Amino acid sequence: MGHELELFDLVPPFASVLTVSSMGALGPREFAAVCERSLRGPASRRGG
């Protein structure tokens, strides 16, 4: 005991960080745009 398991390091956000998804590696702005489009699209769970 006394040892902690660290799963993630918290780091400040960087503009160069990519999110890897089924749509490829996306930068923060691209990722936000894809999320926004998916929330507005016909497949949205909000019933749009």
N, C-alpha and C. Protein backbone atom coordinates (compact mmCIF):
# COMPACT_ATOMS: atom_id res chain seq x y z
N MET A 1 0.84 -1.18 0.00
CA MET A 1 0.00 0.00 0.00
C MET A 1 0.88 1.24 0.00
N GLY A 2 0.25 2.38 -0.12
CA GLY A 2 1.02 3.60 -0.16
C GLY A 2 1.39 4.02 -1.58
N HIS A 3 1.20 3.14 -2.55
CA HIS A 3 1.48 3.47 -3.94
C HIS A 3 0.17 3.74 -4.65
N GLU A 4 0.15 4.81 -5.40
CA GLU A 4 -1.05 5.15 -6.15
C GLU A 4 -0.86 4.79 -7.62
N LEU A 5 -1.88 4.28 -8.23
CA LEU A 5 -1.86 3.96 -9.64
C LEU A 5 -2.35 5.17 -10.42
N GLU A 6 -1.49 5.74 -11.23
CA GLU A 6 -1.87 6.89 -12.04
C GLU A 6 -2.20 6.41 -13.45
N LEU A 7 -3.45 6.60 -13.85
CA LEU A 7 -3.87 6.18 -15.17
C LEU A 7 -3.65 7.27 -16.21
N PHE A 8 -3.80 8.53 -15.80
CA PHE A 8 -3.68 9.65 -16.73
C PHE A 8 -2.89 10.76 -16.06
N ASP A 9 -2.07 11.43 -16.84
CA ASP A 9 -1.42 12.65 -16.38
C ASP A 9 -2.26 13.82 -16.83
N LEU A 10 -2.51 14.75 -15.93
CA LEU A 10 -3.25 15.95 -16.30
C LEU A 10 -2.25 16.98 -16.82
N VAL A 11 -2.49 17.46 -18.01
CA VAL A 11 -1.61 18.45 -18.62
C VAL A 11 -2.46 19.60 -19.13
N PRO A 12 -1.86 20.79 -19.24
CA PRO A 12 -2.62 21.91 -19.79
C PRO A 12 -3.00 21.62 -21.25
N PRO A 13 -4.13 22.15 -21.72
CA PRO A 13 -4.52 21.91 -23.11
C PRO A 13 -3.57 22.58 -24.10
N PHE A 14 -3.30 21.90 -25.18
CA PHE A 14 -2.44 22.43 -26.24
C PHE A 14 -3.21 22.39 -27.56
N ALA A 15 -3.01 23.37 -28.38
CA ALA A 15 -3.69 23.43 -29.68
C ALA A 15 -3.23 22.30 -30.60
N SER A 16 -2.07 21.72 -30.33
CA SER A 16 -1.53 20.70 -31.23
C SER A 16 -1.95 19.28 -30.84
N VAL A 17 -2.73 19.13 -29.79
CA VAL A 17 -3.18 17.80 -29.37
C VAL A 17 -4.25 17.31 -30.33
N LEU A 18 -4.15 16.06 -30.72
CA LEU A 18 -5.13 15.47 -31.64
C LEU A 18 -6.00 14.47 -30.90
N THR A 19 -7.25 14.39 -31.30
CA THR A 19 -8.16 13.36 -30.81
C THR A 19 -8.30 12.33 -31.92
N VAL A 20 -8.01 11.08 -31.61
CA VAL A 20 -8.10 10.02 -32.59
C VAL A 20 -9.46 9.37 -32.44
N SER A 21 -10.20 9.34 -33.54
CA SER A 21 -11.56 8.78 -33.53
C SER A 21 -11.76 7.96 -34.79
N SER A 22 -12.96 7.46 -34.96
CA SER A 22 -13.28 6.71 -36.17
C SER A 22 -13.25 7.60 -37.40
N MET A 23 -13.23 8.91 -37.20
CA MET A 23 -13.16 9.87 -38.31
C MET A 23 -11.73 10.32 -38.58
N GLY A 24 -10.78 9.73 -37.89
CA GLY A 24 -9.38 10.07 -38.09
C GLY A 24 -8.84 10.88 -36.92
N ALA A 25 -7.63 11.41 -37.08
CA ALA A 25 -7.00 12.26 -36.06
C ALA A 25 -7.44 13.70 -36.31
N LEU A 26 -8.10 14.27 -35.32
CA LEU A 26 -8.67 15.61 -35.47
C LEU A 26 -8.08 16.56 -34.45
N GLY A 27 -7.80 17.79 -34.88
CA GLY A 27 -7.39 18.84 -33.97
C GLY A 27 -8.57 19.31 -33.16
N PRO A 28 -8.35 20.13 -32.13
CA PRO A 28 -9.45 20.57 -31.27
C PRO A 28 -10.60 21.25 -32.02
N ARG A 29 -10.30 22.13 -32.96
CA ARG A 29 -11.38 22.82 -33.69
C ARG A 29 -12.13 21.87 -34.60
N GLU A 30 -11.39 20.96 -35.28
CA GLU A 30 -12.03 19.99 -36.15
C GLU A 30 -12.92 19.05 -35.34
N PHE A 31 -12.43 18.62 -34.19
CA PHE A 31 -13.19 17.72 -33.34
C PHE A 31 -14.47 18.39 -32.85
N ALA A 32 -14.36 19.65 -32.42
CA ALA A 32 -15.54 20.40 -31.97
C ALA A 32 -16.55 20.54 -33.10
N ALA A 33 -16.08 20.81 -34.32
CA ALA A 33 -16.98 20.97 -35.46
C ALA A 33 -17.69 19.66 -35.78
N VAL A 34 -16.99 18.55 -35.73
CA VAL A 34 -17.59 17.24 -35.99
C VAL A 34 -18.65 16.93 -34.94
N CYS A 35 -18.33 17.22 -33.68
CA CYS A 35 -19.31 16.97 -32.61
C CYS A 35 -20.54 17.84 -32.79
N GLU A 36 -20.34 19.09 -33.13
CA GLU A 36 -21.46 20.00 -33.32
C GLU A 36 -22.35 19.53 -34.47
N ARG A 37 -21.73 19.13 -35.59
CA ARG A 37 -22.50 18.63 -36.73
C ARG A 37 -23.27 17.37 -36.37
N SER A 38 -22.64 16.48 -35.60
CA SER A 38 -23.32 15.23 -35.26
C SER A 38 -24.50 15.48 -34.33
N LEU A 39 -24.42 16.51 -33.49
CA LEU A 39 -25.54 16.82 -32.60
C LEU A 39 -26.71 17.44 -33.37
N ARG A 40 -26.40 18.12 -34.46
CA ARG A 40 -27.44 18.76 -35.25
C ARG A 40 -27.99 17.87 -36.35
N GLY A 41 -27.25 16.81 -36.69
CA GLY A 41 -27.60 15.96 -37.83
C GLY A 41 -28.84 15.12 -37.60
N PRO A 42 -29.33 14.47 -38.68
CA PRO A 42 -30.54 13.66 -38.62
C PRO A 42 -30.40 12.44 -37.69
N ALA A 43 -29.17 12.00 -37.46
CA ALA A 43 -28.98 10.84 -36.60
C ALA A 43 -28.90 11.23 -35.13
N SER A 44 -29.12 12.49 -34.84
CA SER A 44 -29.03 12.97 -33.45
C SER A 44 -30.06 12.30 -32.57
N ARG A 45 -29.65 12.03 -31.35
CA ARG A 45 -30.57 11.42 -30.38
C ARG A 45 -31.55 12.44 -29.81
N ARG A 46 -31.36 13.71 -30.17
CA ARG A 46 -32.27 14.74 -29.67
C ARG A 46 -33.56 14.78 -30.49
N GLY A 47 -33.66 13.93 -31.47
CA GLY A 47 -34.90 13.85 -32.24
C GLY A 47 -34.98 14.84 -33.36
N GLY A 48 -33.82 15.41 -33.79
CA GLY A 48 -33.80 16.41 -34.85
C GLY A 48 -34.14 15.83 -36.13
